Amino acid sequence: MATENIIMAMVQAGGNRQDCHEKIRVLSQEAAAVVKQEGGDNDLIARIRGDPYFSPILGQLDTLMDPQTFIGRAPQQVVRFLAEEVRPILEPYRNQMEENVDLEL
């Protein structure tokens, strides 16, 4: 999902969609090799930041990677699920749930 945002930003900045897709594919494979073969962290974003091809959008990268842009309606769906499904099931136990319990590990 994040790479699609990067591709779209690059196209808006004048880049070629196919070229950009290929650059990201290659960088993704390199990052995956680090994860799978070396047990390292996924460094795809660092690779994108380091590739001069992506210089037109480097200033936008943090905004393009903002997790809020990927969650859609999930927060509203969770609130609705809790209200419609979970709370009715818990209602008979309301008095028991008002008790405070201290746990120590």
N, C-alpha and C. Protein backbone atom coordinates (compact mmCIF):
# COMPACT_ATOMS: atom_id res chain seq x y z
N MET A 1 0.83 -1.19 0.00
CA MET A 1 0.00 0.00 0.00
C MET A 1 0.87 1.26 0.00
N ALA A 2 1.88 1.27 0.83
CA ALA A 2 2.74 2.44 0.91
C ALA A 2 3.49 2.65 -0.41
N THR A 3 3.91 1.57 -1.00
CA THR A 3 4.66 1.73 -2.26
C THR A 3 3.76 2.27 -3.36
N GLU A 4 2.49 1.95 -3.32
CA GLU A 4 1.57 2.50 -4.32
C GLU A 4 1.48 4.01 -4.16
N ASN A 5 1.43 4.49 -2.92
CA ASN A 5 1.42 5.94 -2.68
C ASN A 5 2.70 6.59 -3.22
N ILE A 6 3.81 5.91 -3.04
CA ILE A 6 5.08 6.42 -3.53
C ILE A 6 5.08 6.48 -5.05
N ILE A 7 4.58 5.44 -5.68
CA ILE A 7 4.50 5.42 -7.15
C ILE A 7 3.61 6.56 -7.65
N MET A 8 2.46 6.74 -7.02
CA MET A 8 1.55 7.81 -7.46
C MET A 8 2.20 9.19 -7.29
N ALA A 9 2.92 9.38 -6.19
CA ALA A 9 3.60 10.66 -5.97
C ALA A 9 4.69 10.89 -7.02
N MET A 10 5.41 9.83 -7.35
CA MET A 10 6.45 9.96 -8.36
C MET A 10 5.85 10.29 -9.72
N VAL A 11 4.73 9.68 -10.07
CA VAL A 11 4.08 9.98 -11.34
C VAL A 11 3.62 11.44 -11.37
N GLN A 12 3.06 11.91 -10.23
CA GLN A 12 2.65 13.32 -10.16
C GLN A 12 3.84 14.25 -10.31
N ALA A 13 5.02 13.78 -9.87
CA ALA A 13 6.24 14.60 -9.98
C ALA A 13 6.89 14.46 -11.35
N GLY A 14 6.26 13.71 -12.24
CA GLY A 14 6.78 13.60 -13.60
C GLY A 14 7.47 12.28 -13.92
N GLY A 15 7.49 11.36 -12.96
CA GLY A 15 8.12 10.06 -13.19
C GLY A 15 7.26 9.13 -14.03
N ASN A 16 7.87 8.11 -14.54
CA ASN A 16 7.19 7.10 -15.33
C ASN A 16 6.73 5.98 -14.39
N ARG A 17 5.46 5.63 -14.47
CA ARG A 17 4.89 4.63 -13.56
C ARG A 17 5.62 3.28 -13.66
N GLN A 18 5.88 2.84 -14.86
CA GLN A 18 6.54 1.54 -15.04
C GLN A 18 7.97 1.56 -14.49
N ASP A 19 8.70 2.64 -14.77
CA ASP A 19 10.06 2.74 -14.26
C ASP A 19 10.07 2.77 -12.74
N CYS A 20 9.15 3.52 -12.17
CA CYS A 20 9.06 3.62 -10.72
C CYS A 20 8.71 2.26 -10.10
N HIS A 21 7.76 1.59 -10.71
CA HIS A 21 7.37 0.26 -10.22
C HIS A 21 8.56 -0.69 -10.24
N GLU A 22 9.32 -0.64 -11.31
CA GLU A 22 10.50 -1.52 -11.42
C GLU A 22 11.54 -1.17 -10.37
N LYS A 23 11.78 0.11 -10.13
CA LYS A 23 12.74 0.53 -9.10
C LYS A 23 12.30 -0.02 -7.74
N ILE A 24 11.03 0.15 -7.42
CA ILE A 24 10.52 -0.33 -6.13
C ILE A 24 10.59 -1.85 -6.06
N ARG A 25 10.29 -2.53 -7.14
CA ARG A 25 10.37 -4.00 -7.16
C ARG A 25 11.78 -4.45 -6.83
N VAL A 26 12.76 -3.86 -7.47
CA VAL A 26 14.16 -4.24 -7.23
C VAL A 26 14.55 -3.93 -5.79
N LEU A 27 14.22 -2.74 -5.31
CA LEU A 27 14.56 -2.38 -3.93
C LEU A 27 13.85 -3.28 -2.92
N SER A 28 12.62 -3.66 -3.24
CA SER A 28 11.86 -4.57 -2.37
C SER A 28 12.52 -5.93 -2.27
N GLN A 29 12.98 -6.43 -3.40
CA GLN A 29 13.66 -7.72 -3.41
C GLN A 29 14.96 -7.66 -2.62
N GLU A 30 15.68 -6.57 -2.75
CA GLU A 30 16.92 -6.41 -1.97
C GLU A 30 16.61 -6.36 -0.47
N ALA A 31 15.58 -5.60 -0.10
CA ALA A 31 15.19 -5.51 1.31
C ALA A 31 14.72 -6.86 1.83
N ALA A 32 13.97 -7.58 1.02
CA ALA A 32 13.48 -8.90 1.42
C ALA A 32 14.63 -9.87 1.64
N ALA A 33 15.66 -9.77 0.83
CA ALA A 33 16.82 -10.65 0.99
C ALA A 33 17.50 -10.39 2.34
N VAL A 34 17.58 -9.13 2.74
CA VAL A 34 18.17 -8.80 4.04
C VAL A 34 17.36 -9.46 5.16
N VAL A 35 16.05 -9.38 5.04
CA VAL A 35 15.17 -9.96 6.06
C VAL A 35 15.27 -11.48 6.07
N LYS A 36 15.15 -12.10 4.92
CA LYS A 36 15.08 -13.55 4.83
C LYS A 36 16.43 -14.24 4.99
N GLN A 37 17.47 -13.68 4.42
CA GLN A 37 18.76 -14.35 4.42
C GLN A 37 19.66 -13.94 5.57
N GLU A 38 19.49 -12.70 6.05
CA GLU A 38 20.36 -12.21 7.10
C GLU A 38 19.65 -11.99 8.42
N GLY A 39 18.32 -12.09 8.40
CA GLY A 39 17.56 -11.88 9.63
C GLY A 39 17.51 -10.42 10.04
N GLY A 40 17.79 -9.53 9.11
CA GLY A 40 17.79 -8.10 9.41
C GLY A 40 16.41 -7.48 9.31
N ASP A 41 16.37 -6.19 9.58
CA ASP A 41 15.12 -5.44 9.49
C ASP A 41 14.82 -5.10 8.03
N ASN A 42 13.55 -4.90 7.75
CA ASN A 42 13.13 -4.48 6.43
C ASN A 42 13.56 -3.02 6.25
N ASP A 43 14.48 -2.79 5.35
CA ASP A 43 15.02 -1.44 5.14
C ASP A 43 14.58 -0.84 3.81
N LEU A 44 13.41 -1.24 3.35
CA LEU A 44 12.93 -0.75 2.05
C LEU A 44 12.86 0.77 2.01
N ILE A 45 12.31 1.38 3.03
CA ILE A 45 12.15 2.83 3.01
C ILE A 45 13.51 3.51 3.01
N ALA A 46 14.46 2.98 3.76
CA ALA A 46 15.82 3.54 3.75
C ALA A 46 16.42 3.41 2.35
N ARG A 47 16.15 2.31 1.68
CA ARG A 47 16.66 2.12 0.31
C ARG A 47 16.02 3.13 -0.64
N ILE A 48 14.73 3.38 -0.47
CA ILE A 48 14.04 4.36 -1.31
C ILE A 48 14.63 5.75 -1.05
N ARG A 49 14.83 6.08 0.23
CA ARG A 49 15.41 7.38 0.57
C ARG A 49 16.81 7.54 -0.03
N GLY A 50 17.55 6.46 -0.14
CA GLY A 50 18.91 6.51 -0.65
C GLY A 50 19.05 6.45 -2.15
N ASP A 51 17.96 6.19 -2.84
CA ASP A 51 18.02 6.09 -4.31
C ASP A 51 17.73 7.46 -4.93
N PRO A 52 18.66 7.98 -5.69
CA PRO A 52 18.47 9.31 -6.30
C PRO A 52 17.22 9.41 -7.18
N TYR A 53 16.76 8.29 -7.70
CA TYR A 53 15.56 8.31 -8.54
C TYR A 53 14.37 8.93 -7.79
N PHE A 54 14.31 8.70 -6.48
CA PHE A 54 13.16 9.15 -5.69
C PHE A 54 13.35 10.55 -5.10
N SER A 55 14.41 11.24 -5.49
CA SER A 55 14.67 12.57 -4.93
C SER A 55 13.53 13.56 -5.12
N PRO A 56 12.74 13.49 -6.20
CA PRO A 56 11.65 14.46 -6.34
C PRO A 56 10.59 14.38 -5.24
N ILE A 57 10.50 13.26 -4.55
CA ILE A 57 9.44 13.12 -3.54
C ILE A 57 9.97 12.89 -2.12
N LEU A 58 11.25 13.02 -1.93
CA LEU A 58 11.81 12.75 -0.59
C LEU A 58 11.15 13.59 0.48
N GLY A 59 10.81 14.83 0.17
CA GLY A 59 10.15 15.69 1.15
C GLY A 59 8.75 15.23 1.51
N GLN A 60 8.15 14.40 0.68
CA GLN A 60 6.78 13.91 0.91
C GLN A 60 6.75 12.52 1.57
N LEU A 61 7.90 11.88 1.67
CA LEU A 61 7.93 10.47 2.06
C LEU A 61 7.27 10.21 3.42
N ASP A 62 7.54 11.05 4.41
CA ASP A 62 6.92 10.83 5.72
C ASP A 62 5.41 10.92 5.64
N THR A 63 4.90 11.88 4.88
CA THR A 63 3.45 12.02 4.72
C THR A 63 2.88 10.82 3.97
N LEU A 64 3.58 10.37 2.94
CA LEU A 64 3.12 9.22 2.17
C LEU A 64 3.09 7.94 3.00
N MET A 65 3.94 7.88 4.03
CA MET A 65 4.04 6.68 4.87
C MET A 65 3.20 6.77 6.15
N ASP A 66 2.45 7.84 6.31
CA ASP A 66 1.64 8.03 7.52
C ASP A 66 0.65 6.88 7.68
N PRO A 67 0.75 6.13 8.78
CA PRO A 67 -0.14 4.98 8.98
C PRO A 67 -1.62 5.32 8.93
N GLN A 68 -1.99 6.54 9.28
CA GLN A 68 -3.39 6.92 9.26
C GLN A 68 -3.99 6.82 7.86
N THR A 69 -3.16 6.91 6.84
CA THR A 69 -3.68 6.84 5.48
C THR A 69 -3.98 5.41 5.04
N PHE A 70 -3.65 4.44 5.88
CA PHE A 70 -3.83 3.03 5.50
C PHE A 70 -4.91 2.31 6.30
N ILE A 71 -5.50 2.97 7.29
CA ILE A 71 -6.43 2.24 8.17
C ILE A 71 -7.89 2.40 7.78
N GLY A 72 -8.17 3.31 6.86
CA GLY A 72 -9.53 3.46 6.37
C GLY A 72 -10.53 3.71 7.48
N ARG A 73 -11.60 2.94 7.49
CA ARG A 73 -12.67 3.11 8.46
C ARG A 73 -12.51 2.21 9.69
N ALA A 74 -11.35 1.60 9.84
CA ALA A 74 -11.14 0.66 10.95
C ALA A 74 -11.53 1.23 12.31
N PRO A 75 -11.14 2.46 12.67
CA PRO A 75 -11.52 2.96 13.99
C PRO A 75 -13.04 3.01 14.20
N GLN A 76 -13.77 3.48 13.19
CA GLN A 76 -15.22 3.53 13.30
C GLN A 76 -15.82 2.12 13.36
N GLN A 77 -15.24 1.21 12.61
CA GLN A 77 -15.75 -0.17 12.61
C GLN A 77 -15.54 -0.82 13.97
N VAL A 78 -14.42 -0.55 14.60
CA VAL A 78 -14.15 -1.12 15.92
C VAL A 78 -15.14 -0.56 16.93
N VAL A 79 -15.36 0.75 16.91
CA VAL A 79 -16.30 1.37 17.84
C VAL A 79 -17.69 0.76 17.66
N ARG A 80 -18.10 0.61 16.42
CA ARG A 80 -19.43 0.04 16.14
C ARG A 80 -19.50 -1.42 16.59
N PHE A 81 -18.46 -2.20 16.32
CA PHE A 81 -18.44 -3.60 16.74
C PHE A 81 -18.54 -3.72 18.25
N LEU A 82 -17.77 -2.91 18.95
CA LEU A 82 -17.83 -2.96 20.42
C LEU A 82 -19.22 -2.61 20.93
N ALA A 83 -19.82 -1.56 20.34
CA ALA A 83 -21.15 -1.13 20.79
C ALA A 83 -22.24 -2.14 20.46
N GLU A 84 -22.18 -2.74 19.28
CA GLU A 84 -23.27 -3.62 18.83
C GLU A 84 -23.07 -5.08 19.19
N GLU A 85 -21.83 -5.52 19.33
CA GLU A 85 -21.58 -6.95 19.54
C GLU A 85 -21.02 -7.26 20.93
N VAL A 86 -20.03 -6.53 21.34
CA VAL A 86 -19.33 -6.89 22.58
C VAL A 86 -20.08 -6.39 23.81
N ARG A 87 -20.46 -5.12 23.83
CA ARG A 87 -21.11 -4.57 25.03
C ARG A 87 -22.40 -5.31 25.40
N PRO A 88 -23.25 -5.69 24.43
CA PRO A 88 -24.44 -6.45 24.81
C PRO A 88 -24.10 -7.79 25.49
N ILE A 89 -23.04 -8.41 25.08
CA ILE A 89 -22.64 -9.68 25.68
C ILE A 89 -22.11 -9.45 27.09
N LEU A 90 -21.42 -8.35 27.30
CA LEU A 90 -20.83 -8.06 28.61
C LEU A 90 -21.83 -7.45 29.60
N GLU A 91 -22.93 -6.93 29.12
CA GLU A 91 -23.89 -6.23 29.98
C GLU A 91 -24.33 -7.04 31.21
N PRO A 92 -24.64 -8.33 31.08
CA PRO A 92 -25.03 -9.08 32.27
C PRO A 92 -23.94 -9.14 33.35
N TYR A 93 -22.74 -8.88 33.00
CA TYR A 93 -21.62 -8.96 33.94
C TYR A 93 -21.14 -7.58 34.39
N ARG A 94 -21.94 -6.57 34.13
CA ARG A 94 -21.56 -5.18 34.39
C ARG A 94 -21.09 -4.97 35.84
N ASN A 95 -21.84 -5.48 36.79
CA ASN A 95 -21.48 -5.28 38.20
C ASN A 95 -20.13 -5.90 38.53
N GLN A 96 -19.86 -7.04 37.97
CA GLN A 96 -18.58 -7.71 38.23
C GLN A 96 -17.41 -6.97 37.58
N MET A 97 -17.67 -6.32 36.49
CA MET A 97 -16.60 -5.63 35.78
C MET A 97 -16.24 -4.30 36.43
N GLU A 98 -17.09 -3.80 37.30
CA GLU A 98 -16.80 -2.54 37.97
C GLU A 98 -15.80 -2.71 39.11
N GLU A 99 -15.50 -3.95 39.47
CA GLU A 99 -14.54 -4.20 40.53
C GLU A 99 -13.12 -3.93 39.99
N ASN A 100 -12.29 -3.36 40.85
CA ASN A 100 -10.89 -3.16 40.50
C ASN A 100 -10.07 -4.33 40.99
N VAL A 101 -9.23 -4.82 40.15
CA VAL A 101 -8.37 -5.94 40.49
C VAL A 101 -6.93 -5.52 40.23
N ASP A 102 -6.06 -5.78 41.21
CA ASP A 102 -4.64 -5.50 41.02
C ASP A 102 -3.94 -6.79 40.68
N LEU A 103 -3.19 -6.76 39.60
CA LEU A 103 -2.43 -7.92 39.19
C LEU A 103 -0.95 -7.59 39.27
N GLU A 104 -0.18 -8.55 39.73
CA GLU A 104 1.25 -8.37 39.74
C GLU A 104 1.89 -9.54 39.03
N LEU A 105 2.89 -9.27 38.26
CA LEU A 105 3.62 -10.32 37.55
C LEU A 105 4.98 -10.49 38.16
